Amino acid sequence: MLKKIFGSGARVKLFQQFLSNPKEEFFIRELTRILDEQINSLRRELENLEKIGLLKSVDRNRKKYYRVNPHFSLLSELTSIIRKTDETNDEFLKKISKLGDIDILILSGTFVDKTGETDLFLVGNLKKPDLEKFLDENFSGKNLKYGLMTREDFLYRLTLKDKFVKKIFSDKENLVLKNKLKKDTESLVSD
């Protein structure tokens, strides 16, 4: 899908590499090894991405290093697109869905490379011990913070305009992997 949107497989790989590692620098030969792409196609795409302002470069030790320009105007939108199309999110959703019926699943905090009150927010019919076991097996040592609510509790909190729920939905960096209650949560996103 991204290849059709962005026009080139090499460009998509560059977007994924840089936007998944926004604070790291890479030089072209390093990128050819990491991305398994031809040097000429990467050089052309890197020049294009630098021209539009997404990347910055610096020459050091006879190598040209590229990194993300943190002031690029569309950085958060592009990062969001890359994160939403990450195949590991689909795998995570499939695995966690085996625990029960999930109405809402939002990744935040650690999952989107920032600190926050919570890393994972779930609404549905899940048992807390099963969720804790799943998180421990799949993310041992990460000490993830999560919020778990039944559908009824969540809908009740919506009527109260709960600050925690509103904050989870209004943060544009959070990834909504599943939302069966879109009609009920539209006001949280649009406010």
C-alpha atoms as a PDB file:
ATOM      1  CA  MET A   1       0.000   0.000   0.000  1.00  0.00           C
ATOM      2  CA  LEU A   2       2.716   2.515   0.982  1.00  0.00           C
ATOM      3  CA  LYS A   3       4.682   1.760  -2.186  1.00  0.00           C
ATOM      4  CA  LYS A   4       1.682   2.851  -4.254  1.00  0.00           C
ATOM      5  CA  ILE A   5       1.221   6.011  -2.171  1.00  0.00           C
ATOM      6  CA  PHE A   6       4.882   7.033  -2.015  1.00  0.00           C
ATOM      7  CA  GLY A   7       5.862   5.778  -5.478  1.00  0.00           C
ATOM      8  CA  SER A   8       8.978   3.788  -4.664  1.00  0.00           C
ATOM      9  CA  GLY A   9       9.942   0.869  -2.480  1.00  0.00           C
ATOM     10  CA  ALA A  10      13.274   2.488  -1.644  1.00  0.00           C
ATOM     11  CA  ARG A  11      11.539   5.668  -0.486  1.00  0.00           C
ATOM     12  CA  VAL A  12       9.155   3.667   1.711  1.00  0.00           C
ATOM     13  CA  LYS A  13      12.085   1.833   3.306  1.00  0.00           C
ATOM     14  CA  LEU A  14      13.810   5.154   3.960  1.00  0.00           C
ATOM     15  CA  PHE A  15      10.668   6.593   5.538  1.00  0.00           C
ATOM     16  CA  GLN A  16      10.363   3.526   7.760  1.00  0.00           C
ATOM     17  CA  GLN A  17      14.034   3.561   8.749  1.00  0.00           C
ATOM     18  CA  PHE A  18      14.259   7.263   9.542  1.00  0.00           C
ATOM     19  CA  LEU A  19      10.829   7.785  11.077  1.00  0.00           C
ATOM     20  CA  SER A  20      11.176   4.701  13.276  1.00  0.00           C
ATOM     21  CA  ASN A  21      14.575   5.984  14.445  1.00  0.00           C
ATOM     22  CA  PRO A  22      14.173   9.785  14.376  1.00  0.00           C
ATOM     23  CA  LYS A  23      17.183  10.569  16.558  1.00  0.00           C
ATOM     24  CA  GLU A  24      19.700   8.367  14.745  1.00  0.00           C
ATOM     25  CA  GLU A  25      22.047   9.238  11.882  1.00  0.00           C
ATOM     26  CA  PHE A  26      22.818   6.953   8.949  1.00  0.00           C
ATOM     27  CA  PHE A  27      25.295   7.115   6.082  1.00  0.00           C
ATOM     28  CA  ILE A  28      24.471   5.813   2.631  1.00  0.00           C
ATOM     29  CA  ARG A  29      26.499   2.575   2.635  1.00  0.00           C
ATOM     30  CA  GLU A  30      25.056   1.703   6.028  1.00  0.00           C
ATOM     31  CA  LEU A  31      21.555   2.229   4.617  1.00  0.00           C
ATOM     32  CA  THR A  32      22.260  -0.018   1.601  1.00  0.00           C
ATOM     33  CA  ARG A  33      23.111  -2.853   4.014  1.00  0.00           C
ATOM     34  CA  ILE A  34      20.195  -2.224   6.388  1.00  0.00           C
ATOM     35  CA  LEU A  35      17.567  -1.744   3.677  1.00  0.00           C
ATOM     36  CA  ASP A  36      18.991  -4.117   1.036  1.00  0.00           C
ATOM     37  CA  GLU A  37      18.646  -1.508  -1.713  1.00  0.00           C
ATOM     38  CA  GLN A  38      20.927  -0.292  -4.501  1.00  0.00           C
ATOM     39  CA  ILE A  39      23.133   2.671  -3.638  1.00  0.00           C
ATOM     40  CA  ASN A  40      22.011   4.742  -6.649  1.00  0.00           C
ATOM     41  CA  SER A  41      18.298   4.487  -5.828  1.00  0.00           C
ATOM     42  CA  LEU A  42      18.959   5.332  -2.173  1.00  0.00           C
ATOM     43  CA  ARG A  43      21.199   8.276  -3.095  1.00  0.00           C
ATOM     44  CA  ARG A  44      18.467   9.684  -5.380  1.00  0.00           C
ATOM     45  CA  GLU A  45      15.754   9.248  -2.727  1.00  0.00           C
ATOM     46  CA  LEU A  46      17.922  10.720   0.030  1.00  0.00           C
ATOM     47  CA  GLU A  47      18.553  13.790  -2.125  1.00  0.00           C
ATOM     48  CA  ASN A  48      14.803  14.137  -2.766  1.00  0.00           C
ATOM     49  CA  LEU A  49      13.970  13.797   0.935  1.00  0.00           C
ATOM     50  CA  GLU A  50      16.626  16.352   1.795  1.00  0.00           C
ATOM     51  CA  LYS A  51      15.291  18.782  -0.838  1.00  0.00           C
ATOM     52  CA  ILE A  52      11.776  18.669   0.629  1.00  0.00           C
ATOM     53  CA  GLY A  53      13.214  19.197   4.119  1.00  0.00           C
ATOM     54  CA  LEU A  54      12.414  15.854   5.778  1.00  0.00           C
ATOM     55  CA  LEU A  55      16.097  14.978   6.151  1.00  0.00           C
ATOM     56  CA  LYS A  56      19.191  16.972   7.028  1.00  0.00           C
ATOM     57  CA  SER A  57      22.721  15.911   6.231  1.00  0.00           C
ATOM     58  CA  VAL A  58      26.167  16.592   7.619  1.00  0.00           C
ATOM     59  CA  ASP A  59      29.587  15.616   6.266  1.00  0.00           C
ATOM     60  CA  ARG A  60      31.809  13.960   8.833  1.00  0.00           C
ATOM     61  CA  ASN A  61      34.885  11.736   8.393  1.00  0.00           C
ATOM     62  CA  ARG A  62      34.456  11.753   4.595  1.00  0.00           C
ATOM     63  CA  LYS A  63      30.917  10.366   4.953  1.00  0.00           C
ATOM     64  CA  LYS A  64      27.593  12.092   4.521  1.00  0.00           C
ATOM     65  CA  TYR A  65      25.258  11.359   7.444  1.00  0.00           C
ATOM     66  CA  TYR A  66      21.500  11.822   7.188  1.00  0.00           C
ATOM     67  CA  ARG A  67      18.998  12.326   9.963  1.00  0.00           C
ATOM     68  CA  VAL A  68      15.407  13.461  10.390  1.00  0.00           C
ATOM     69  CA  ASN A  69      14.791  17.200  10.468  1.00  0.00           C
ATOM     70  CA  PRO A  70      12.766  17.576  13.700  1.00  0.00           C
ATOM     71  CA  HIS A  71      11.266  20.839  12.392  1.00  0.00           C
ATOM     72  CA  PHE A  72       9.813  19.354   9.189  1.00  0.00           C
ATOM     73  CA  SER A  73       6.195  20.542   8.983  1.00  0.00           C
ATOM     74  CA  LEU A  74       4.673  17.129   8.146  1.00  0.00           C
ATOM     75  CA  LEU A  75       6.866  15.056  10.458  1.00  0.00           C
ATOM     76  CA  SER A  76       4.147  14.000  12.910  1.00  0.00           C
ATOM     77  CA  GLU A  77       1.725  13.094  10.108  1.00  0.00           C
ATOM     78  CA  LEU A  78       4.298  11.004   8.223  1.00  0.00           C
ATOM     79  CA  THR A  79       5.423   9.319  11.439  1.00  0.00           C
ATOM     80  CA  SER A  80       1.809   8.485  12.209  1.00  0.00           C
ATOM     81  CA  ILE A  81       1.317   6.941   8.749  1.00  0.00           C
ATOM     82  CA  ILE A  82       4.457   4.820   9.111  1.00  0.00           C
ATOM     83  CA  ARG A  83       3.466   3.653  12.588  1.00  0.00           C
ATOM     84  CA  LYS A  84      -0.089   2.813  11.525  1.00  0.00           C
ATOM     85  CA  THR A  85       1.129   0.684   8.633  1.00  0.00           C
ATOM     86  CA  ASP A  86       3.702  -1.176  10.724  1.00  0.00           C
ATOM     87  CA  GLU A  87       3.088  -4.913  10.327  1.00  0.00           C
ATOM     88  CA  THR A  88       4.102  -5.559  13.934  1.00  0.00           C
ATOM     89  CA  ASN A  89       0.960  -3.673  15.024  1.00  0.00           C
ATOM     90  CA  ASP A  90      -1.203  -6.121  13.063  1.00  0.00           C
ATOM     91  CA  GLU A  91       0.595  -9.052  14.682  1.00  0.00           C
ATOM     92  CA  PHE A  92       0.173  -7.513  18.126  1.00  0.00           C
ATOM     93  CA  LEU A  93      -3.548  -6.987  17.506  1.00  0.00           C
ATOM     94  CA  LYS A  94      -3.996 -10.607  16.363  1.00  0.00           C
ATOM     95  CA  LYS A  95      -2.182 -11.959  19.413  1.00  0.00           C
ATOM     96  CA  ILE A  96      -3.959  -9.825  22.005  1.00  0.00           C
ATOM     97  CA  SER A  97      -7.362 -10.421  20.383  1.00  0.00           C
ATOM     98  CA  LYS A  98      -7.076 -14.065  21.426  1.00  0.00           C
ATOM     99  CA  LEU A  99      -7.535 -12.949  25.051  1.00  0.00           C
ATOM    100  CA  GLY A 100     -11.133 -11.871  24.528  1.00  0.00           C
ATOM    101  CA  ASP A 101     -13.480  -9.523  22.724  1.00  0.00           C
ATOM    102  CA  ILE A 102     -11.740  -6.155  22.264  1.00  0.00           C
ATOM    103  CA  ASP A 103     -13.745  -3.052  21.405  1.00  0.00           C
ATOM    104  CA  ILE A 104     -10.898  -0.528  21.618  1.00  0.00           C
ATOM    105  CA  LEU A 105      -7.125  -0.934  21.579  1.00  0.00           C
ATOM    106  CA  ILE A 106      -4.869   2.116  21.723  1.00  0.00           C
ATOM    107  CA  LEU A 107      -1.088   2.098  21.906  1.00  0.00           C
ATOM    108  CA  SER A 108       0.550   5.037  23.651  1.00  0.00           C
ATOM    109  CA  GLY A 109       3.552   5.741  25.874  1.00  0.00           C
ATOM    110  CA  THR A 110       6.347   3.254  25.211  1.00  0.00           C
ATOM    111  CA  PHE A 111       4.705   2.045  22.009  1.00  0.00           C
ATOM    112  CA  VAL A 112       4.926   5.501  20.428  1.00  0.00           C
ATOM    113  CA  ASP A 113       8.311   6.447  21.896  1.00  0.00           C
ATOM    114  CA  LYS A 114       7.178   8.838  24.585  1.00  0.00           C
ATOM    115  CA  THR A 115       6.390   8.848  28.275  1.00  0.00           C
ATOM    116  CA  GLY A 116       2.859   8.963  29.515  1.00  0.00           C
ATOM    117  CA  GLU A 117       0.317   7.768  32.044  1.00  0.00           C
ATOM    118  CA  THR A 118      -0.334   4.596  30.113  1.00  0.00           C
ATOM    119  CA  ASP A 119       1.236   2.480  27.379  1.00  0.00           C
ATOM    120  CA  LEU A 120      -1.808   0.441  26.432  1.00  0.00           C
ATOM    121  CA  PHE A 121      -5.522   1.206  26.672  1.00  0.00           C
ATOM    122  CA  LEU A 122      -8.103  -1.549  26.199  1.00  0.00           C
ATOM    123  CA  VAL A 123     -11.871  -1.660  26.289  1.00  0.00           C
ATOM    124  CA  GLY A 124     -13.596  -4.999  26.097  1.00  0.00           C
ATOM    125  CA  ASN A 125     -14.285  -8.310  27.675  1.00  0.00           C
ATOM    126  CA  LEU A 126     -10.845  -9.345  28.926  1.00  0.00           C
ATOM    127  CA  LYS A 127      -9.662 -10.786  32.192  1.00  0.00           C
ATOM    128  CA  LYS A 128      -6.991  -8.766  33.983  1.00  0.00           C
ATOM    129  CA  PRO A 129      -4.844 -11.834  34.923  1.00  0.00           C
ATOM    130  CA  ASP A 130      -4.858 -13.014  31.279  1.00  0.00           C
ATOM    131  CA  LEU A 131      -3.794  -9.563  30.070  1.00  0.00           C
ATOM    132  CA  GLU A 132      -1.021  -9.330  32.669  1.00  0.00           C
ATOM    133  CA  LYS A 133       0.247 -12.783  31.711  1.00  0.00           C
ATOM    134  CA  PHE A 134       0.205 -11.802  28.006  1.00  0.00           C
ATOM    135  CA  LEU A 135       2.130  -8.584  28.678  1.00  0.00           C
ATOM    136  CA  ASP A 136       4.645 -10.378  30.867  1.00  0.00           C
ATOM    137  CA  GLU A 137       5.235 -13.083  28.230  1.00  0.00           C
ATOM    138  CA  ASN A 138       5.540 -10.652  25.322  1.00  0.00           C
ATOM    139  CA  PHE A 139       7.110  -7.617  26.986  1.00  0.00           C
ATOM    140  CA  SER A 140       8.970  -8.953  30.010  1.00  0.00           C
ATOM    141  CA  GLY A 141      11.026  -6.350  31.803  1.00  0.00           C
ATOM    142  CA  LYS A 142       9.252  -3.399  30.155  1.00  0.00           C
ATOM    143  CA  ASN A 143       6.869  -2.737  33.077  1.00  0.00           C
ATOM    144  CA  LEU A 144       4.058  -1.549  30.810  1.00  0.00           C
ATOM    145  CA  LYS A 145       1.243   0.525  32.274  1.00  0.00           C
ATOM    146  CA  TYR A 146      -2.212  -0.260  30.963  1.00  0.00           C
ATOM    147  CA  GLY A 147      -5.801   0.803  31.301  1.00  0.00           C
ATOM    148  CA  LEU A 148      -8.524  -1.848  31.023  1.00  0.00           C
ATOM    149  CA  MET A 149     -12.256  -1.125  31.041  1.00  0.00           C
ATOM    150  CA  THR A 150     -15.400  -2.996  30.234  1.00  0.00           C
ATOM    151  CA  ARG A 151     -17.560  -1.567  27.465  1.00  0.00           C
ATOM    152  CA  GLU A 152     -20.154  -0.478  30.026  1.00  0.00           C
ATOM    153  CA  ASP A 153     -17.605   1.304  32.214  1.00  0.00           C
ATOM    154  CA  PHE A 154     -16.091   3.026  29.180  1.00  0.00           C
ATOM    155  CA  LEU A 155     -19.481   4.237  27.890  1.00  0.00           C
ATOM    156  CA  TYR A 156     -20.339   5.490  31.390  1.00  0.00           C
ATOM    157  CA  ARG A 157     -17.042   7.401  31.557  1.00  0.00           C
ATOM    158  CA  LEU A 158     -17.852   8.950  28.174  1.00  0.00           C
ATOM    159  CA  THR A 159     -21.083  10.374  29.586  1.00  0.00           C
ATOM    160  CA  LEU A 160     -19.042  11.903  32.447  1.00  0.00           C
ATOM    161  CA  LYS A 161     -16.506  13.353  29.971  1.00  0.00           C
ATOM    162  CA  ASP A 162     -13.712  11.511  31.792  1.00  0.00           C
ATOM    163  CA  LYS A 163     -10.381  13.375  31.445  1.00  0.00           C
ATOM    164  CA  PHE A 164      -8.283  10.197  31.192  1.00  0.00           C
ATOM    165  CA  VAL A 165     -10.373   8.799  28.324  1.00  0.00           C
ATOM    166  CA  LYS A 166     -10.451  12.137  26.520  1.00  0.00           C
ATOM    167  CA  LYS A 167      -6.676  12.506  26.831  1.00  0.00           C
ATOM    168  CA  ILE A 168      -6.043   9.019  25.393  1.00  0.00           C
ATOM    169  CA  PHE A 169      -8.177   9.768  22.330  1.00  0.00           C
ATOM    170  CA  SER A 170      -7.081  13.364  21.772  1.00  0.00           C
ATOM    171  CA  ASP A 171      -3.337  12.598  21.695  1.00  0.00           C
ATOM    172  CA  LYS A 172      -2.555  12.425  17.979  1.00  0.00           C
ATOM    173  CA  GLU A 173       0.619  10.397  18.582  1.00  0.00           C
ATOM    174  CA  ASN A 174      -1.333   7.492  20.073  1.00  0.00           C
ATOM    175  CA  LEU A 175      -2.133   4.628  17.719  1.00  0.00           C
ATOM    176  CA  VAL A 176      -5.714   3.432  17.586  1.00  0.00           C
ATOM    177  CA  LEU A 177      -5.357  -0.169  16.403  1.00  0.00           C
ATOM    178  CA  LYS A 178      -8.988  -1.060  16.914  1.00  0.00           C
ATOM    179  CA  ASN A 179     -12.136   0.934  17.633  1.00  0.00           C
ATOM    180  CA  LYS A 180     -15.515  -0.781  17.379  1.00  0.00           C
ATOM    181  CA  LEU A 181     -17.069   2.199  19.185  1.00  0.00           C
ATOM    182  CA  LYS A 182     -16.167   4.892  16.650  1.00  0.00           C
ATOM    183  CA  LYS A 183     -19.635   6.410  16.724  1.00  0.00           C
ATOM    184  CA  ASP A 184     -19.428   6.832  20.495  1.00  0.00           C
ATOM    185  CA  THR A 185     -15.858   8.197  20.465  1.00  0.00           C
ATOM    186  CA  GLU A 186     -16.082  10.669  17.547  1.00  0.00           C
ATOM    187  CA  SER A 187     -16.573  13.636  19.874  1.00  0.00           C
ATOM    188  CA  LEU A 188     -13.353  12.767  21.731  1.00  0.00           C
ATOM    189  CA  VAL A 189     -11.289  13.066  18.574  1.00  0.00           C
ATOM    190  CA  SER A 190     -12.966  16.124  17.053  1.00  0.00           C
ATOM    191  CA  ASP A 191     -12.903  18.338  20.177  1.00  0.00           C
END
